[in-house]
Amino acid sequence: MNAHAGLAAALRDAVRALDFGAGAYGVNGVHGAHPSLDLAVAVFARGRTPLWANVLFSREHPEGIVADIDDHAHAVRRIRFERDLQDAGGRSVAWLPGADWSRLVFAPLWGEGPLRFVAPYPASLLKLMVAVGVGLAVDRGRCAWPADLVEPMITVSSNEATDEAVALLHRVGAVALLHEAFARFGLSTLRLDDTTPAGGWRNAQGAGVGHIHMTAWDTVRLLWLLDDGAPNAPWLAPGVAPLLQPATRDALRGALARQQLHEILSSSSLVGVPGWVEGIPARARFAHKTGSTESYAADAGIVEDGDLHYIVALTSSLGRRWAPHPRCATTWRLPALGAAVHRIAARA
């Protein structure tokens, strides 16, 4: 077993040990099928080759599958990613308890292969893509860095700031810049489709679920490009221009580092809630963005804890529907998974 495979096996075992498919949990329902989780990690150790892995679970893959990623960290192979979907009423119907996937038609997102994975909507993790788009516009001289928008959009997940930031992207022609950058850097599953010039990005505005997508592995690789302490991205040719200029990258990284919502893979925002479970330790520097709705929970960021340095990304169908307390964004099993990932990365 090579080192990448060892990391993947440890991550898959950690998800299995938390028994996400078991019976009832949360206060609003019972799982009729295994929830979907897309988990990716890249670990950096000084003087050593980076390690990475991506594991995926769903009702179709309850034991988990290990994504096929080559030795240069290119895109996932042999998995067909399909788009999430909403019904005419704007509901995320794929994730409702009792949803019958045999009666749902999922459109292709990216990739080919014998295995399919329906990619859960990233919820407010999408605001990371919006911020990158803003950064691209800044670097091309189309606008100044709008700290008054980016800071609340990232640190407290302000929807109002996101409305304005999306409108800004349209006003300066940066939506096309963003998708061109994703194509240039091989991040094919990152999509911010069908947003509107008025700043619309939600279901009711013709965007949202089924239009905006992020898979965990491509999100890890996006953050790799924003991490000045990470080694050169191995899937890129030498000399490729950076995604963002250093000053812009640092401004975005700073906003991620000032994150105030620690409620998914980390849980320090929830200390004192009955049943509290520790996630990624509070002592660690976790520069990240979260997302949660009734149907979804996502979290992705850069972790530094002494000599430990890694990137983690998670998207899932474990939204507030499965939360054990009104203050929680998801089940306690996700911070427990965050703690497990931290231990695994330290051993790796």
Protein backbone atom coordinates (compact mmCIF):
# COMPACT_ATOMS: atom_id res chain seq x y z
CA MET A 1 0.00 0.00 0.00
CA ASN A 2 1.50 3.36 -0.99
CA ALA A 3 1.29 6.40 1.27
CA HIS A 4 -1.64 7.98 -0.59
CA ALA A 5 -3.57 4.72 -0.31
CA GLY A 6 -2.74 4.52 3.38
CA LEU A 7 -4.15 7.98 3.97
CA ALA A 8 -7.28 7.08 1.98
CA ALA A 9 -7.78 3.89 3.97
CA ALA A 10 -7.46 5.80 7.25
CA LEU A 11 -10.02 8.40 6.13
CA ARG A 12 -12.45 5.76 4.92
CA ASP A 13 -12.10 3.84 8.19
CA ALA A 14 -12.73 7.05 10.17
CA VAL A 15 -16.01 7.69 8.34
CA ARG A 16 -17.07 4.08 8.74
CA ALA A 17 -16.28 4.15 12.47
CA LEU A 18 -18.68 7.07 12.95
CA ASP A 19 -21.48 4.95 11.43
CA PHE A 20 -23.21 7.73 9.53
CA GLY A 21 -25.77 5.33 8.12
CA ALA A 22 -27.03 4.15 11.49
CA GLY A 23 -30.69 4.64 12.30
CA ALA A 24 -32.05 7.88 13.69
CA TYR A 25 -30.13 10.95 14.75
CA GLY A 26 -30.88 14.62 14.82
CA VAL A 27 -34.25 15.92 15.89
CA ASN A 28 -36.14 16.07 12.62
CA GLY A 29 -35.96 12.72 10.95
CA VAL A 30 -34.57 9.31 10.32
CA HIS A 31 -32.21 8.45 7.49
CA GLY A 32 -33.81 6.22 4.92
CA ALA A 33 -30.41 5.81 3.26
CA HIS A 34 -26.77 6.48 3.92
CA PRO A 35 -26.03 10.24 3.68
CA SER A 36 -23.59 11.55 1.10
CA LEU A 37 -20.14 12.69 2.22
CA ASP A 38 -17.32 13.84 -0.04
CA LEU A 39 -14.10 14.19 2.01
CA ALA A 40 -10.67 15.16 0.68
CA VAL A 41 -7.40 15.89 2.47
CA ALA A 42 -3.90 16.96 1.40
CA VAL A 43 -1.13 16.77 4.02
CA PHE A 44 2.11 18.76 3.80
CA ALA A 45 5.19 17.85 5.83
CA ARG A 46 8.44 19.77 5.59
CA GLY A 47 10.93 17.92 3.41
CA ARG A 48 8.47 15.21 2.41
CA THR A 49 6.27 14.61 -0.61
CA PRO A 50 2.69 15.76 0.02
CA LEU A 51 0.03 13.12 0.61
CA TRP A 52 -3.55 13.33 -0.56
CA ALA A 53 -6.74 11.30 -0.69
CA ASN A 54 -10.44 11.63 -1.44
CA VAL A 55 -13.13 9.28 -0.11
CA LEU A 56 -16.81 9.40 -0.99
CA PHE A 57 -19.88 7.84 0.62
CA SER A 58 -23.52 7.76 -0.48
CA ARG A 59 -26.59 5.53 -0.48
CA GLU A 60 -25.03 3.92 -3.54
CA HIS A 61 -21.63 3.57 -1.87
CA PRO A 62 -22.34 3.11 1.85
CA GLU A 63 -18.97 1.39 2.46
CA GLY A 64 -17.16 4.26 0.78
CA ILE A 65 -15.09 4.51 -2.36
CA VAL A 66 -11.56 5.82 -2.73
CA ALA A 67 -11.18 8.28 -5.58
CA ASP A 68 -8.58 7.42 -8.20
CA ILE A 69 -6.09 10.32 -8.19
CA ASP A 70 -2.75 10.08 -9.97
CA ASP A 71 0.68 10.82 -8.52
CA HIS A 72 0.53 14.42 -9.71
CA ALA A 73 -2.76 15.26 -7.96
CA HIS A 74 -4.76 15.78 -11.12
CA ALA A 75 -8.56 15.54 -11.20
CA VAL A 76 -10.37 12.45 -9.92
CA ARG A 77 -10.58 9.65 -12.49
CA ARG A 78 -13.19 6.94 -13.10
CA ILE A 79 -15.98 8.66 -11.18
CA ARG A 80 -18.90 10.28 -12.96
CA PHE A 81 -20.00 13.29 -10.91
CA GLU A 82 -23.62 14.27 -11.35
CA ARG A 83 -25.38 17.51 -10.49
CA ASP A 84 -27.56 18.02 -7.49
CA LEU A 85 -31.12 19.07 -8.31
CA GLN A 86 -34.12 20.98 -7.04
CA ASP A 87 -37.78 20.58 -7.90
CA ALA A 88 -40.12 23.23 -9.24
CA GLY A 89 -40.72 24.41 -5.69
CA GLY A 90 -37.02 24.97 -5.06
CA ARG A 91 -36.66 22.00 -2.71
CA SER A 92 -33.51 19.89 -2.57
CA VAL A 93 -35.50 16.77 -3.27
CA ALA A 94 -32.60 14.30 -3.48
CA TRP A 95 -31.93 14.61 0.24
CA LEU A 96 -35.41 14.55 1.72
CA PRO A 97 -35.99 11.53 3.98
CA GLY A 98 -37.45 8.78 1.84
CA ALA A 99 -36.32 10.29 -1.49
CA ASP A 100 -36.45 7.68 -4.26
CA TRP A 101 -33.40 8.19 -6.47
CA SER A 102 -34.73 5.74 -9.05
CA ARG A 103 -37.34 8.38 -9.92
CA LEU A 104 -34.94 11.32 -10.07
CA VAL A 105 -32.98 12.36 -13.14
CA PHE A 106 -29.52 13.77 -12.36
CA ALA A 107 -27.64 15.70 -15.05
CA PRO A 108 -23.91 15.20 -15.63
CA LEU A 109 -21.47 17.52 -13.87
CA TRP A 110 -18.04 16.23 -14.89
CA GLY A 111 -16.07 13.05 -15.46
CA GLU A 112 -16.60 9.55 -16.78
CA GLY A 113 -16.46 6.14 -15.22
CA PRO A 114 -18.28 3.14 -13.89
CA LEU A 115 -19.06 4.82 -10.55
CA ARG A 116 -21.30 7.80 -10.07
CA PHE A 117 -21.49 10.31 -7.23
CA VAL A 118 -24.22 12.93 -6.92
CA ALA A 119 -22.37 16.00 -5.67
CA PRO A 120 -24.21 17.70 -2.77
CA TYR A 121 -24.74 21.45 -3.07
CA PRO A 122 -21.89 23.21 -1.23
CA ALA A 123 -24.20 25.66 0.56
CA SER A 124 -22.31 28.76 1.69
CA LEU A 125 -18.96 27.19 0.92
CA LEU A 126 -19.73 28.62 -2.53
CA LYS A 127 -18.77 32.02 -1.11
CA LEU A 128 -15.14 30.91 -1.34
CA MET A 129 -15.57 30.78 -5.14
CA VAL A 130 -17.20 34.20 -5.12
CA ALA A 131 -14.27 35.62 -3.16
CA VAL A 132 -11.79 34.10 -5.62
CA GLY A 133 -13.71 35.71 -8.47
CA VAL A 134 -13.48 39.05 -6.71
CA GLY A 135 -9.74 38.50 -6.29
CA LEU A 136 -9.32 37.80 -10.00
CA ALA A 137 -11.11 41.06 -10.81
CA VAL A 138 -8.86 42.96 -8.39
CA ASP A 139 -5.71 41.49 -9.95
CA ARG A 140 -6.85 42.61 -13.40
CA GLY A 141 -7.54 46.14 -12.23
CA ARG A 142 -11.29 45.91 -12.63
CA CYS A 143 -12.06 46.88 -9.03
CA ALA A 144 -10.40 47.51 -5.67
CA TRP A 145 -10.42 44.83 -2.98
CA PRO A 146 -13.90 45.20 -1.39
CA ALA A 147 -13.04 44.28 2.19
CA ASP A 148 -16.46 45.51 3.33
CA LEU A 149 -18.01 42.71 1.24
CA VAL A 150 -15.47 39.90 1.44
CA GLU A 151 -14.97 40.06 5.21
CA PRO A 152 -18.63 39.51 6.23
CA MET A 153 -19.23 37.12 3.33
CA ILE A 154 -16.45 34.87 4.57
CA THR A 155 -16.29 35.36 8.34
CA VAL A 156 -20.00 35.38 9.22
CA SER A 157 -21.37 34.07 5.89
CA SER A 158 -23.42 37.20 5.20
CA ASN A 159 -25.90 36.54 2.41
CA GLU A 160 -26.39 40.26 1.87
CA ALA A 161 -22.67 40.79 1.31
CA THR A 162 -22.71 37.82 -1.06
CA ASP A 163 -25.54 39.40 -3.05
CA GLU A 164 -23.39 42.50 -3.54
CA ALA A 165 -20.25 40.51 -4.32
CA VAL A 166 -22.03 38.43 -6.97
CA ALA A 167 -23.45 41.60 -8.51
CA LEU A 168 -19.91 43.01 -8.54
CA LEU A 169 -18.64 39.93 -10.39
CA HIS A 170 -21.22 40.51 -13.11
CA ARG A 171 -20.61 44.24 -13.25
CA VAL A 172 -16.88 43.82 -13.92
CA GLY A 173 -17.12 40.69 -16.08
CA ALA A 174 -15.47 38.43 -13.51
CA VAL A 175 -17.81 35.42 -13.69
CA ALA A 176 -16.16 34.51 -16.98
CA LEU A 177 -12.73 35.15 -15.42
CA LEU A 178 -13.57 32.75 -12.62
CA HIS A 179 -14.64 29.91 -14.88
CA GLU A 180 -11.67 30.50 -17.17
CA ALA A 181 -9.40 30.21 -14.13
CA PHE A 182 -11.08 26.99 -13.01
CA ALA A 183 -10.53 25.55 -16.49
CA ARG A 184 -6.92 26.73 -16.61
CA PHE A 185 -6.09 25.12 -13.26
CA GLY A 186 -8.02 21.91 -13.97
CA LEU A 187 -10.75 22.50 -11.36
CA SER A 188 -13.57 21.22 -13.53
CA THR A 189 -16.18 20.53 -10.84
CA LEU A 190 -16.13 24.07 -9.45
CA ARG A 191 -19.08 25.89 -11.01
CA LEU A 192 -20.81 29.15 -10.17
CA ASP A 193 -23.43 28.90 -12.89
CA ASP A 194 -26.58 30.92 -13.55
CA THR A 195 -26.06 33.70 -11.02
CA THR A 196 -27.66 37.00 -12.03
CA PRO A 197 -26.41 40.55 -12.60
CA ALA A 198 -28.63 41.63 -9.71
CA GLY A 199 -26.61 39.40 -7.39
CA GLY A 200 -28.89 36.37 -7.41
CA TRP A 201 -27.33 33.05 -6.46
CA ARG A 202 -30.14 31.26 -4.59
CA ASN A 203 -32.63 28.63 -5.75
CA ALA A 204 -35.47 31.11 -6.17
CA GLN A 205 -33.27 33.28 -8.38
CA GLY A 206 -32.56 30.53 -10.88
CA ALA A 207 -29.23 29.46 -9.41
CA GLY A 208 -28.38 27.56 -6.21
CA VAL A 209 -28.91 23.80 -6.05
CA GLY A 210 -28.19 22.09 -9.36
CA HIS A 211 -26.37 25.15 -10.71
CA ILE A 212 -23.53 25.78 -8.24
CA HIS A 213 -21.15 22.93 -7.47
CA MET A 214 -17.94 22.13 -5.59
CA THR A 215 -16.48 18.69 -5.06
CA ALA A 216 -14.15 18.11 -2.14
CA TRP A 217 -11.02 17.25 -4.13
CA ASP A 218 -11.25 20.28 -6.42
CA THR A 219 -11.93 22.46 -3.38
CA VAL A 220 -8.76 21.13 -1.72
CA ARG A 221 -6.83 21.95 -4.87
CA LEU A 222 -8.35 25.45 -5.00
CA LEU A 223 -7.21 26.06 -1.42
CA TRP A 224 -3.77 24.62 -2.30
CA LEU A 225 -3.44 27.50 -4.79
CA LEU A 226 -4.30 29.97 -2.00
CA ASP A 227 -1.88 28.47 0.56
CA ASP A 228 1.46 30.26 0.44
CA GLY A 229 2.95 27.65 2.79
CA ALA A 230 2.08 24.70 0.55
CA PRO A 231 4.51 23.19 -1.96
CA ASN A 232 4.04 23.89 -5.64
CA ALA A 233 0.90 22.32 -7.03
CA PRO A 234 2.14 19.10 -8.67
CA TRP A 235 -0.59 18.99 -11.32
CA LEU A 236 0.62 22.27 -12.85
CA ALA A 237 3.53 22.82 -15.20
CA PRO A 238 6.49 24.75 -13.74
CA GLY A 239 6.22 28.48 -14.14
CA VAL A 240 2.43 28.68 -14.33
CA ALA A 241 1.27 32.08 -13.14
CA PRO A 242 -0.44 32.00 -9.72
CA LEU A 243 -4.19 31.97 -9.36
CA LEU A 244 -4.08 35.23 -7.40
CA GLN A 245 -1.33 37.77 -6.86
CA PRO A 246 0.32 37.55 -3.41
CA ALA A 247 -1.37 40.62 -1.92
CA THR A 248 -4.81 39.51 -3.09
CA ARG A 249 -4.22 35.91 -2.02
CA ASP A 250 -3.12 37.11 1.42
CA ALA A 251 -6.20 39.32 1.80
CA LEU A 252 -8.46 36.36 1.07
CA ARG A 253 -6.44 34.01 3.28
CA GLY A 254 -6.70 36.57 6.09
CA ALA A 255 -10.48 36.63 5.84
CA LEU A 256 -10.57 32.82 5.97
CA ALA A 257 -8.35 32.92 9.07
CA ARG A 258 -10.78 35.27 10.82
CA GLN A 259 -13.66 32.80 10.39
CA GLN A 260 -16.20 33.12 13.21
CA LEU A 261 -18.34 30.06 12.42
CA HIS A 262 -16.72 26.94 13.89
CA GLU A 263 -19.64 24.52 13.77
CA ILE A 264 -18.95 21.74 11.29
CA LEU A 265 -15.45 20.21 11.15
CA SER A 266 -14.44 22.45 14.05
CA SER A 267 -16.81 23.15 16.94
CA SER A 268 -15.44 25.89 19.18
CA SER A 269 -18.47 28.08 18.38
CA LEU A 270 -20.64 25.47 20.09
CA VAL A 271 -18.83 25.00 23.41
CA GLY A 272 -21.51 24.72 26.11
CA VAL A 273 -24.15 23.17 23.86
CA PRO A 274 -25.38 19.90 25.42
CA GLY A 275 -23.52 16.93 24.01
CA TRP A 276 -20.68 19.07 22.66
CA VAL A 277 -18.09 17.14 20.64
CA GLU A 278 -14.68 18.58 19.89
CA GLY A 279 -13.73 18.89 16.23
CA ILE A 280 -10.50 20.20 14.75
CA PRO A 281 -8.87 21.55 17.94
CA ALA A 282 -9.38 25.20 18.81
CA ARG A 283 -5.62 25.62 19.22
CA ALA A 284 -5.15 24.94 15.51
CA ARG A 285 -5.24 27.80 13.02
CA PHE A 286 -8.11 26.85 10.73
CA ALA A 287 -8.53 29.31 7.84
CA HIS A 288 -11.80 28.10 6.38
CA LYS A 289 -15.31 28.63 5.07
CA THR A 290 -18.38 26.72 6.17
CA GLY A 291 -21.79 26.21 4.63
CA SER A 292 -25.04 24.84 5.99
CA THR A 293 -28.73 24.64 5.13
CA GLU A 294 -31.51 22.28 6.10
CA SER A 295 -30.10 19.68 3.71
CA TYR A 296 -26.37 20.42 3.50
CA ALA A 297 -23.25 20.93 5.60
CA ALA A 298 -19.84 21.79 4.12
CA ASP A 299 -16.50 23.00 5.43
CA ALA A 300 -13.12 23.52 3.80
CA GLY A 301 -9.90 25.19 4.81
CA ILE A 302 -6.22 25.23 5.64
CA VAL A 303 -5.13 23.84 9.03
CA GLU A 304 -1.89 24.64 10.84
CA ASP A 305 -1.11 23.23 14.27
CA GLY A 306 2.57 23.47 15.15
CA ASP A 307 4.40 21.50 12.46
CA LEU A 308 1.13 20.01 11.22
CA HIS A 309 -0.15 21.54 7.97
CA TYR A 310 -2.95 20.19 5.83
CA ILE A 311 -5.99 21.15 3.75
CA VAL A 312 -9.36 19.52 4.27
CA ALA A 313 -12.66 19.82 2.39
CA LEU A 314 -16.02 18.22 3.07
CA THR A 315 -19.38 18.47 1.36
CA SER A 316 -22.32 16.47 2.67
CA SER A 317 -26.08 15.98 2.79
CA LEU A 318 -26.00 16.32 6.60
CA GLY A 319 -27.62 19.71 7.09
CA ARG A 320 -29.59 21.17 9.98
CA ARG A 321 -32.24 18.51 9.52
CA TRP A 322 -29.84 16.21 11.41
CA ALA A 323 -28.73 18.68 14.09
CA PRO A 324 -29.22 17.64 17.74
CA HIS A 325 -29.74 21.20 19.04
CA PRO A 326 -31.08 24.48 17.56
CA ARG A 327 -27.63 26.08 17.77
CA CYS A 328 -26.02 23.28 15.75
CA ALA A 329 -25.50 23.30 11.99
CA THR A 330 -25.25 19.53 11.66
CA THR A 331 -24.85 16.28 13.54
CA TRP A 332 -22.05 16.01 16.13
CA ARG A 333 -20.59 13.30 13.91
CA LEU A 334 -19.09 15.91 11.61
CA PRO A 335 -16.92 17.63 14.25
CA ALA A 336 -16.02 14.12 15.42
CA LEU A 337 -14.91 13.47 11.85
CA GLY A 338 -12.91 16.72 11.90
CA ALA A 339 -11.09 15.54 15.02
CA ALA A 340 -10.40 12.18 13.39
CA VAL A 341 -9.02 13.87 10.27
CA HIS A 342 -6.72 15.98 12.45
CA ARG A 343 -5.34 12.87 14.15
CA ILE A 344 -4.90 11.07 10.82
CA ALA A 345 -3.10 14.06 9.26
CA ALA A 346 -0.75 14.21 12.28
CA ARG A 347 0.13 10.53 11.84
CA ALA A 348 0.52 10.89 8.09
